[in-house]
C-alpha atoms as a PDB file:
ATOM      1  CA  MET A   1     141.673 100.489  84.363  1.00  0.00           C
ATOM      2  CA  PRO A   2     144.713 101.154  86.518  1.00  0.00           C
ATOM      3  CA  TRP A   3     146.272 104.953  86.553  1.00  0.00           C
ATOM      4  CA  VAL A   4     144.060 107.579  84.873  1.00  0.00           C
ATOM      5  CA  PRO A   5     145.118 111.061  83.657  1.00  0.00           C
ATOM      6  CA  ILE A   6     143.049 114.238  85.607  1.00  0.00           C
ATOM      7  CA  ARG A   7     141.600 116.355  83.149  1.00  0.00           C
ATOM      8  CA  HIS A   8     144.242 119.467  82.393  1.00  0.00           C
ATOM      9  CA  ALA A   9     146.116 118.294  85.871  1.00  0.00           C
ATOM     10  CA  LEU A  10     149.388 117.404  83.986  1.00  0.00           C
ATOM     11  CA  ARG A  11     149.496 120.569  81.803  1.00  0.00           C
ATOM     12  CA  LYS A  12     149.079 122.917  85.024  1.00  0.00           C
ATOM     13  CA  LEU A  13     151.821 120.405  86.559  1.00  0.00           C
ATOM     14  CA  ARG A  14     154.442 121.243  83.549  1.00  0.00           C
ATOM     15  CA  GLU A  15     153.573 125.128  83.221  1.00  0.00           C
ATOM     16  CA  GLY A  16     154.067 125.478  87.230  1.00  0.00           C
ATOM     17  CA  ARG A  17     157.670 124.416  87.140  1.00  0.00           C
ATOM     18  CA  GLY A  18     157.835 126.879  83.626  1.00  0.00           C
ATOM     19  CA  TRP A  19     158.356 123.746  81.342  1.00  0.00           C
ATOM     20  CA  SER A  20     157.488 123.276  77.673  1.00  0.00           C
ATOM     21  CA  LEU A  21     156.391 120.088  76.160  1.00  0.00           C
ATOM     22  CA  GLN A  22     160.190 119.810  75.055  1.00  0.00           C
ATOM     23  CA  ALA A  23     161.360 120.016  78.181  1.00  0.00           C
ATOM     24  CA  LEU A  24     158.886 117.091  79.817  1.00  0.00           C
ATOM     25  CA  GLU A  25     159.961 114.949  77.304  1.00  0.00           C
ATOM     26  CA  ASP A  26     163.763 115.517  77.693  1.00  0.00           C
ATOM     27  CA  GLU A  27     163.289 115.497  81.750  1.00  0.00           C
ATOM     28  CA  SER A  28     160.965 111.907  81.562  1.00  0.00           C
ATOM     29  CA  GLY A  29     162.021 110.208  78.256  1.00  0.00           C
ATOM     30  CA  VAL A  30     157.783 110.241  77.053  1.00  0.00           C
ATOM     31  CA  THR A  31     157.075 111.333  73.464  1.00  0.00           C
ATOM     32  CA  ILE A  32     155.339 114.664  73.194  1.00  0.00           C
ATOM     33  CA  LYS A  33     152.846 112.969  71.132  1.00  0.00           C
ATOM     34  CA  SER A  34     152.213 111.350  74.254  1.00  0.00           C
ATOM     35  CA  LEU A  35     152.654 114.052  76.539  1.00  0.00           C
ATOM     36  CA  THR A  36     150.052 116.347  74.433  1.00  0.00           C
ATOM     37  CA  LYS A  37     147.307 113.186  74.152  1.00  0.00           C
ATOM     38  CA  MET A  38     147.591 113.193  78.201  1.00  0.00           C
ATOM     39  CA  GLU A  39     147.099 117.402  78.386  1.00  0.00           C
ATOM     40  CA  SER A  40     144.228 117.235  75.850  1.00  0.00           C
ATOM     41  CA  ARG A  41     140.494 117.971  76.332  1.00  0.00           C
ATOM     42  CA  ARG A  42     140.365 114.083  76.047  1.00  0.00           C
ATOM     43  CA  PRO A  43     142.640 112.662  77.696  1.00  0.00           C
ATOM     44  CA  PRO A  44     143.625 108.336  77.241  1.00  0.00           C
ATOM     45  CA  SER A  45     141.266 106.150  79.361  1.00  0.00           C
ATOM     46  CA  PHE A  46     144.706 105.015  81.245  1.00  0.00           C
ATOM     47  CA  VAL A  47     148.449 105.581  81.509  1.00  0.00           C
ATOM     48  CA  LYS A  48     150.992 103.173  80.790  1.00  0.00           C
ATOM     49  CA  PRO A  49     152.419 102.068  84.006  1.00  0.00           C
ATOM     50  CA  GLU A  50     155.830 103.259  82.460  1.00  0.00           C
ATOM     51  CA  ASN A  51     154.769 106.886  81.610  1.00  0.00           C
ATOM     52  CA  ALA A  52     153.414 107.096  84.775  1.00  0.00           C
ATOM     53  CA  GLU A  53     156.296 106.147  86.703  1.00  0.00           C
ATOM     54  CA  ALA A  54     158.536 108.409  84.530  1.00  0.00           C
ATOM     55  CA  ILE A  55     156.507 111.630  83.945  1.00  0.00           C
ATOM     56  CA  SER A  56     155.948 111.013  87.956  1.00  0.00           C
ATOM     57  CA  LEU A  57     160.014 110.909  88.787  1.00  0.00           C
ATOM     58  CA  ALA A  58     160.438 114.011  85.971  1.00  0.00           C
ATOM     59  CA  PHE A  59     158.454 115.950  88.848  1.00  0.00           C
ATOM     60  CA  ASP A  60     160.230 114.667  91.773  1.00  0.00           C
ATOM     61  CA  LEU A  61     157.372 112.400  92.707  1.00  0.00           C
ATOM     62  CA  ASP A  62     157.337 108.501  93.862  1.00  0.00           C
ATOM     63  CA  LEU A  63     154.325 106.845  92.527  1.00  0.00           C
ATOM     64  CA  LYS A  64     155.125 104.132  95.232  1.00  0.00           C
ATOM     65  CA  LYS A  65     153.864 106.755  97.774  1.00  0.00           C
ATOM     66  CA  TYR A  66     150.808 108.111  95.773  1.00  0.00           C
ATOM     67  CA  ASN A  67     149.023 108.431  98.813  1.00  0.00           C
ATOM     68  CA  ASP A  68     151.047 110.819 100.185  1.00  0.00           C
ATOM     69  CA  TRP A  69     151.289 113.338  97.309  1.00  0.00           C
ATOM     70  CA  PRO A  70     149.792 116.673  97.807  1.00  0.00           C
ATOM     71  CA  PRO A  71     146.204 117.384  96.049  1.00  0.00           C
ATOM     72  CA  ASP A  72     147.636 120.073  93.794  1.00  0.00           C
ATOM     73  CA  VAL A  73     150.164 117.515  92.111  1.00  0.00           C
ATOM     74  CA  ARG A  74     148.066 114.633  91.593  1.00  0.00           C
ATOM     75  CA  TRP A  75     147.878 114.786  88.132  1.00  0.00           C
ATOM     76  CA  ILE A  76     146.584 110.820  87.469  1.00  0.00           C
ATOM     77  CA  LYS A  77     144.520 108.981  89.451  1.00  0.00           C
ATOM     78  CA  TRP A  78     144.025 105.023  90.519  1.00  0.00           C
ATOM     79  CA  LYS A  79     140.887 103.538  89.534  1.00  0.00           C
ATOM     80  CA  ALA A  80     140.018  99.900  90.394  1.00  0.00           C
ATOM     81  CA  THR A  81     138.261  97.633  87.657  1.00  0.00           C
ATOM     82  CA  ARG A  82     135.665  96.009  90.031  1.00  0.00           C
ATOM     83  CA  GLY A  83     133.561  94.073  87.242  1.00  0.00           C
ATOM     84  CA  GLY A  84     135.902  91.210  86.864  1.00  0.00           C
ATOM     85  CA  GLY A  85     136.460  87.889  87.944  1.00  0.00           C
ATOM     86  CA  ASP A  86     139.238  85.856  89.491  1.00  0.00           C
ATOM     87  CA  GLY A  87     141.342  84.135  86.449  1.00  0.00           C
ATOM     88  CA  ASP A  88     145.025  83.688  87.116  1.00  0.00           C
ATOM     89  CA  ALA A  89     145.825  84.930  83.594  1.00  0.00           C
ATOM     90  CA  ASP A  90     145.192  88.307  84.490  1.00  0.00           C
ATOM     91  CA  VAL A  91     148.319  88.330  86.732  1.00  0.00           C
ATOM     92  CA  ALA A  92     150.732  88.110  83.716  1.00  0.00           C
ATOM     93  CA  GLN A  93     149.017  90.736  82.027  1.00  0.00           C
ATOM     94  CA  LEU A  94     149.370  93.836  84.396  1.00  0.00           C
ATOM     95  CA  PRO A  95     151.957  94.198  87.533  1.00  0.00           C
ATOM     96  CA  VAL A  96     151.040  95.626  90.444  1.00  0.00           C
ATOM     97  CA  HIS A  97     150.370  99.742  90.164  1.00  0.00           C
ATOM     98  CA  GLY A  98     150.839 101.658  93.421  1.00  0.00           C
ATOM     99  CA  THR A  99     151.778 100.564  96.906  1.00  0.00           C
ATOM    100  CA  LEU A 100     150.295  97.364  98.720  1.00  0.00           C
ATOM    101  CA  SER A 101     148.713  99.459 100.922  1.00  0.00           C
ATOM    102  CA  LYS A 102     146.497 100.960  98.324  1.00  0.00           C
ATOM    103  CA  ALA A 103     146.312  97.473  96.557  1.00  0.00           C
ATOM    104  CA  SER A 104     145.010  96.258  99.667  1.00  0.00           C
ATOM    105  CA  LEU A 105     142.454  98.893 100.099  1.00  0.00           C
ATOM    106  CA  ILE A 106     141.394  98.289  96.826  1.00  0.00           C
ATOM    107  CA  GLU A 107     140.565  94.477  98.248  1.00  0.00           C
ATOM    108  CA  ARG A 108     138.901  95.423 101.420  1.00  0.00           C
ATOM    109  CA  GLU A 109     136.222  97.419  98.924  1.00  0.00           C
ATOM    110  CA  LEU A 110     135.902  94.417  96.745  1.00  0.00           C
ATOM    111  CA  ASN A 111     134.967  92.488 100.323  1.00  0.00           C
ATOM    112  CA  ARG A 112     137.806  89.921  99.389  1.00  0.00           C
ATOM    113  CA  HIS A 113     139.854  90.715 101.940  1.00  0.00           C
ATOM    114  CA  LYS A 114     138.273  87.473 104.642  1.00  0.00           C
ATOM    115  CA  ASP A 115     138.296  85.232 102.144  1.00  0.00           C
ATOM    116  CA  THR A 116     138.317  81.436 103.347  1.00  0.00           C
ATOM    117  CA  ILE A 117     138.714  78.376 101.412  1.00  0.00           C
ATOM    118  CA  GLN A 118     137.860  74.568 101.528  1.00  0.00           C
ATOM    119  CA  THR A 119     140.763  72.507 101.725  1.00  0.00           C
ATOM    120  CA  SER A 120     141.991  68.561 101.984  1.00  0.00           C
ATOM    121  CA  GLU A 121     142.704  69.931 105.190  1.00  0.00           C
ATOM    122  CA  GLY A 122     139.798  71.950 106.341  1.00  0.00           C
ATOM    123  CA  PRO A 123     138.474  75.708 106.269  1.00  0.00           C
ATOM    124  CA  ALA A 124     141.864  78.085 105.901  1.00  0.00           C
ATOM    125  CA  SER A 125     142.480  82.070 105.536  1.00  0.00           C
ATOM    126  CA  LEU A 126     143.199  82.551 101.844  1.00  0.00           C
ATOM    127  CA  LEU A 127     146.811  84.727 101.541  1.00  0.00           C
ATOM    128  CA  GLY A 128     145.470  88.007  99.972  1.00  0.00           C
ATOM    129  CA  LEU A 129     147.035  91.471  99.921  1.00  0.00           C
ATOM    130  CA  ASP A 130     145.379  92.964 103.182  1.00  0.00           C
ATOM    131  CA  ARG A 131     146.483  89.751 104.965  1.00  0.00           C
ATOM    132  CA  LEU A 132     150.003  90.137 103.381  1.00  0.00           C
ATOM    133  CA  ASN A 133     150.059  94.049 104.081  1.00  0.00           C
ATOM    134  CA  LYS A 134     149.337  93.087 107.857  1.00  0.00           C
ATOM    135  CA  ALA A 135     151.834  90.244 108.084  1.00  0.00           C
ATOM    136  CA  LEU A 136     154.370  92.918 106.726  1.00  0.00           C
ATOM    137  CA  THR A 137     153.363  95.526 109.621  1.00  0.00           C
ATOM    138  CA  MET A 138     153.601  93.413 112.597  1.00  0.00           C
ATOM    139  CA  PRO A 139     155.603  89.929 111.383  1.00  0.00           C
ATOM    140  CA  LYS A 140     155.672  89.132 115.116  1.00  0.00           C
ATOM    141  CA  ALA A 141     152.205  89.411 116.177  1.00  0.00           C
ATOM    142  CA  HIS A 142     151.460  86.523 112.918  1.00  0.00           C
ATOM    143  CA  ALA A 143     154.260  84.210 113.634  1.00  0.00           C
ATOM    144  CA  ASP A 144     153.032  81.064 113.237  1.00  0.00           C
ATOM    145  CA  GLN A 145     149.685  81.771 111.898  1.00  0.00           C
ATOM    146  CA  ILE A 146     148.885  79.380 109.306  1.00  0.00           C
ATOM    147  CA  PHE A 147     147.250  80.720 105.643  1.00  0.00           C
ATOM    148  CA  ALA A 148     146.172  78.626 102.208  1.00  0.00           C
ATOM    149  CA  VAL A 149     148.339  80.119  98.996  1.00  0.00           C
ATOM    150  CA  CYS A 150     146.818  79.316  95.891  1.00  0.00           C
ATOM    151  CA  GLY A 151     148.278  80.217  92.435  1.00  0.00           C
ATOM    152  CA  ASN A 152     150.355  79.890  89.859  1.00  0.00           C
ATOM    153  CA  VAL A 153     154.079  79.213  90.309  1.00  0.00           C
ATOM    154  CA  ASP A 154     156.047  81.811  87.645  1.00  0.00           C
ATOM    155  CA  GLN A 155     159.298  82.105  89.607  1.00  0.00           C
ATOM    156  CA  HIS A 156     161.977  79.748  91.420  1.00  0.00           C
ATOM    157  CA  LYS A 157     165.684  80.043  92.646  1.00  0.00           C
ATOM    158  CA  GLY A 158     167.409  77.661  95.238  1.00  0.00           C
ATOM    159  CA  MET A 159     167.331  78.349  98.520  1.00  0.00           C
ATOM    160  CA  PRO A 160     170.832  79.081 100.276  1.00  0.00           C
ATOM    161  CA  SER A 161     172.255  77.238 102.987  1.00  0.00           C
ATOM    162  CA  SER A 162     171.527  79.907 105.748  1.00  0.00           C
ATOM    163  CA  VAL A 163     168.060  79.970 105.237  1.00  0.00           C
ATOM    164  CA  SER A 164     167.560  76.147 104.980  1.00  0.00           C
ATOM    165  CA  LYS A 165     169.511  75.824 108.343  1.00  0.00           C
ATOM    166  CA  ARG A 166     166.968  78.663 110.060  1.00  0.00           C
ATOM    167  CA  LEU A 167     164.482  76.181 108.916  1.00  0.00           C
ATOM    168  CA  GLY A 168     165.932  72.856 110.069  1.00  0.00           C
ATOM    169  CA  ALA A 169     165.662  72.040 106.996  1.00  0.00           C
ATOM    170  CA  PRO A 170     168.697  69.646 104.818  1.00  0.00           C
ATOM    171  CA  GLN A 171     171.045  71.395 102.963  1.00  0.00           C
ATOM    172  CA  ASP A 172     170.255  71.206  98.983  1.00  0.00           C
ATOM    173  CA  ASP A 173     166.945  70.133  99.564  1.00  0.00           C
ATOM    174  CA  GLY A 174     164.322  73.097  99.369  1.00  0.00           C
ATOM    175  CA  ALA A 175     163.889  75.854  96.978  1.00  0.00           C
ATOM    176  CA  ILE A 176     161.950  79.242  96.544  1.00  0.00           C
ATOM    177  CA  TYR A 177     159.273  80.101  94.615  1.00  0.00           C
ATOM    178  CA  ARG A 178     157.026  82.833  93.981  1.00  0.00           C
ATOM    179  CA  VAL A 179     152.914  82.109  93.417  1.00  0.00           C
ATOM    180  CA  THR A 180     151.108  84.813  91.984  1.00  0.00           C
ATOM    181  CA  ARG A 181     146.657  84.658  91.436  1.00  0.00           C
ATOM    182  CA  ALA A 182     144.862  87.579  90.816  1.00  0.00           C
ATOM    183  CA  VAL A 183     142.497  88.713  93.564  1.00  0.00           C
ATOM    184  CA  ALA A 184     140.281  90.281  90.986  1.00  0.00           C
ATOM    185  CA  LYS A 185     140.421  91.180  87.323  1.00  0.00           C
ATOM    186  CA  ARG A 186     143.659  93.464  87.202  1.00  0.00           C
ATOM    187  CA  LEU A 187     144.705  92.795  91.121  1.00  0.00           C
ATOM    188  CA  PRO A 188     147.301  90.438  91.228  1.00  0.00           C
ATOM    189  CA  LEU A 189     148.751  89.210  94.445  1.00  0.00           C
ATOM    190  CA  TYR A 190     152.479  88.181  94.484  1.00  0.00           C
ATOM    191  CA  VAL A 191     153.840  85.702  97.438  1.00  0.00           C
ATOM    192  CA  THR A 192     157.031  84.091  98.193  1.00  0.00           C
ATOM    193  CA  VAL A 193     157.108  80.958  99.527  1.00  0.00           C
ATOM    194  CA  PHE A 194     159.708  78.860 101.036  1.00  0.00           C
ATOM    195  CA  ALA A 195     159.945  75.451 100.673  1.00  0.00           C
ATOM    196  CA  PRO A 196     161.960  73.233 103.008  1.00  0.00           C
ATOM    197  CA  HIS A 197     161.955  69.774 102.172  1.00  0.00           C
ATOM    198  CA  ALA A 198     162.532  68.174  98.453  1.00  0.00           C
ATOM    199  CA  GLU A 199     158.461  66.733  98.695  1.00  0.00           C
ATOM    200  CA  THR A 200     156.347  70.636  98.752  1.00  0.00           C
ATOM    201  CA  ALA A 201     159.921  71.866  96.493  1.00  0.00           C
ATOM    202  CA  LYS A 202     158.989  68.772  93.899  1.00  0.00           C
ATOM    203  CA  ALA A 203     155.623  69.254  94.017  1.00  0.00           C
ATOM    204  CA  LEU A 204     156.047  73.324  93.312  1.00  0.00           C
ATOM    205  CA  MET A 205     158.340  72.764  90.641  1.00  0.00           C
ATOM    206  CA  GLU A 206     156.033  70.314  89.064  1.00  0.00           C
ATOM    207  CA  ALA A 207     153.449  73.053  89.563  1.00  0.00           C
ATOM    208  CA  TYR A 208     155.742  75.329  87.758  1.00  0.00           C
ATOM    209  CA  ASP A 209     156.192  73.060  84.712  1.00  0.00           C
ATOM    210  CA  SER A 210     153.019  72.224  84.119  1.00  0.00           C
ATOM    211  CA  GLY A 211     151.333  75.634  84.472  1.00  0.00           C
ATOM    212  CA  GLU A 212     148.559  74.374  86.752  1.00  0.00           C
ATOM    213  CA  ARG A 213     147.220  76.179  89.972  1.00  0.00           C
ATOM    214  CA  ILE A 214     148.564  74.771  93.040  1.00  0.00           C
ATOM    215  CA  CYS A 215     147.504  75.011  96.655  1.00  0.00           C
ATOM    216  CA  MET A 216     149.284  74.796  99.592  1.00  0.00           C
ATOM    217  CA  LEU A 217     148.923  75.492 103.647  1.00  0.00           C
ATOM    218  CA  VAL A 218     151.971  78.075 104.554  1.00  0.00           C
ATOM    219  CA  ARG A 219     153.366  78.953 107.805  1.00  0.00           C
ATOM    220  CA  VAL A 220     154.907  82.361 109.142  1.00  0.00           C
ATOM    221  CA  VAL A 221     158.005  81.900 110.508  1.00  0.00           C
ATOM    222  CA  TYR A 222     159.493  84.827 112.426  1.00  0.00           C
ATOM    223  CA  ASP A 223     162.691  84.740 112.897  1.00  0.00           C
ATOM    224  CA  PRO A 224     164.384  88.471 112.822  1.00  0.00           C
ATOM    225  CA  TYR A 225     167.966  89.493 112.260  1.00  0.00           C
ATOM    226  CA  GLU A 226     170.523  88.117 114.254  1.00  0.00           C
ATOM    227  CA  GLY A 227     174.580  88.163 114.215  1.00  0.00           C
ATOM    228  CA  PRO A 228     175.143  87.241 110.639  1.00  0.00           C
ATOM    229  CA  TRP A 229     171.602  86.424 109.805  1.00  0.00           C
ATOM    230  CA  ARG A 230     170.439  88.978 107.139  1.00  0.00           C
ATOM    231  CA  GLY A 231     166.616  87.662 107.021  1.00  0.00           C
ATOM    232  CA  PHE A 232     164.361  85.979 104.190  1.00  0.00           C
ATOM    233  CA  PHE A 233     164.581  87.536 100.886  1.00  0.00           C
ATOM    234  CA  TRP A 234     161.787  87.527  98.924  1.00  0.00           C
ATOM    235  CA  PHE A 235     161.115  88.141  94.819  1.00  0.00           C
ATOM    236  CA  GLU A 236     158.876  91.162  95.850  1.00  0.00           C
ATOM    237  CA  ASP A 237     161.545  92.791  96.742  1.00  0.00           C
ATOM    238  CA  GLU A 238     165.210  91.055  96.721  1.00  0.00           C
ATOM    239  CA  THR A 239     166.891  94.274  97.737  1.00  0.00           C
ATOM    240  CA  THR A 240     165.572  94.206 101.309  1.00  0.00           C
ATOM    241  CA  ALA A 241     165.669  91.072 103.481  1.00  0.00           C
ATOM    242  CA  LYS A 242     161.939  90.266 105.510  1.00  0.00           C
ATOM    243  CA  LYS A 243     162.222  89.292 109.330  1.00  0.00           C
ATOM    244  CA  PHE A 244     159.650  86.662 108.589  1.00  0.00           C
ATOM    245  CA  ALA A 245     158.936  84.019 105.512  1.00  0.00           C
ATOM    246  CA  PHE A 246     156.275  81.790 104.109  1.00  0.00           C
ATOM    247  CA  VAL A 247     157.011  78.576 104.987  1.00  0.00           C
ATOM    248  CA  VAL A 248     155.291  75.420 102.596  1.00  0.00           C
ATOM    249  CA  THR A 249     154.028  72.945 105.212  1.00  0.00           C
ATOM    250  CA  LYS A 250     151.553  71.023 103.052  1.00  0.00           C
ATOM    251  CA  ILE A 251     150.668  70.791  99.381  1.00  0.00           C
ATOM    252  CA  VAL A 252     146.488  70.955  99.470  1.00  0.00           C
ATOM    253  CA  THR A 253     143.606  70.486  97.241  1.00  0.00           C
ATOM    254  CA  GLU A 254     140.853  72.586  97.063  1.00  0.00           C
ATOM    255  CA  THR A 255     137.390  71.321  97.794  1.00  0.00           C
ATOM    256  CA  LYS A 256     134.038  72.707  97.309  1.00  0.00           C
END
């Protein structure tokens, strides 16, 4: 289960502001009925993500920065589910909760952060939450590294001509896709990949249409901002450009 209410913590936080339940409803948009359940002696087993975010914002708390919250304002906690498998169907059921750093720590606790897979091209390091987090922290140090990305294609968009040019590909041949998979039950991973050439772009679009799992090898292309070049925009954050991209080099198959 994801965000779990801490018994009595929300009531103490609310009363510390001098707020009534009505005042908190007005501030958060969460109904008094739901708030009362969270403050009860037997709170619900989890808090809906949208309610967790709305209530936190009412107290000027950013859910994405949960790890930085002082102990006296923590009214919820993250509880990872450890018993599940790897079914990709879990991805569509739950969004990522908390920061990527927190999710990567859970992956490490599950000892899934060093996973490798056997492919038709040989063994490859499987891109996961921890490896993604490290690449975001030190993109230059990861330049030209090769990872395997596997999962289901759930989004696509055209590749801007500026990106095609930076990747040395013909204009309008490529496309950008999002690939999702469950690292563990209720622990999804979202990866934006750039397929600059027609062959790989077509294969990913076919996977999008069929809904079938696909695997590919990607290379980290580090290309920092320069002049008019703004960087790479990912599905995960379409407002902030990244200095690197995961560029598809080959479609592969998983082998046992």
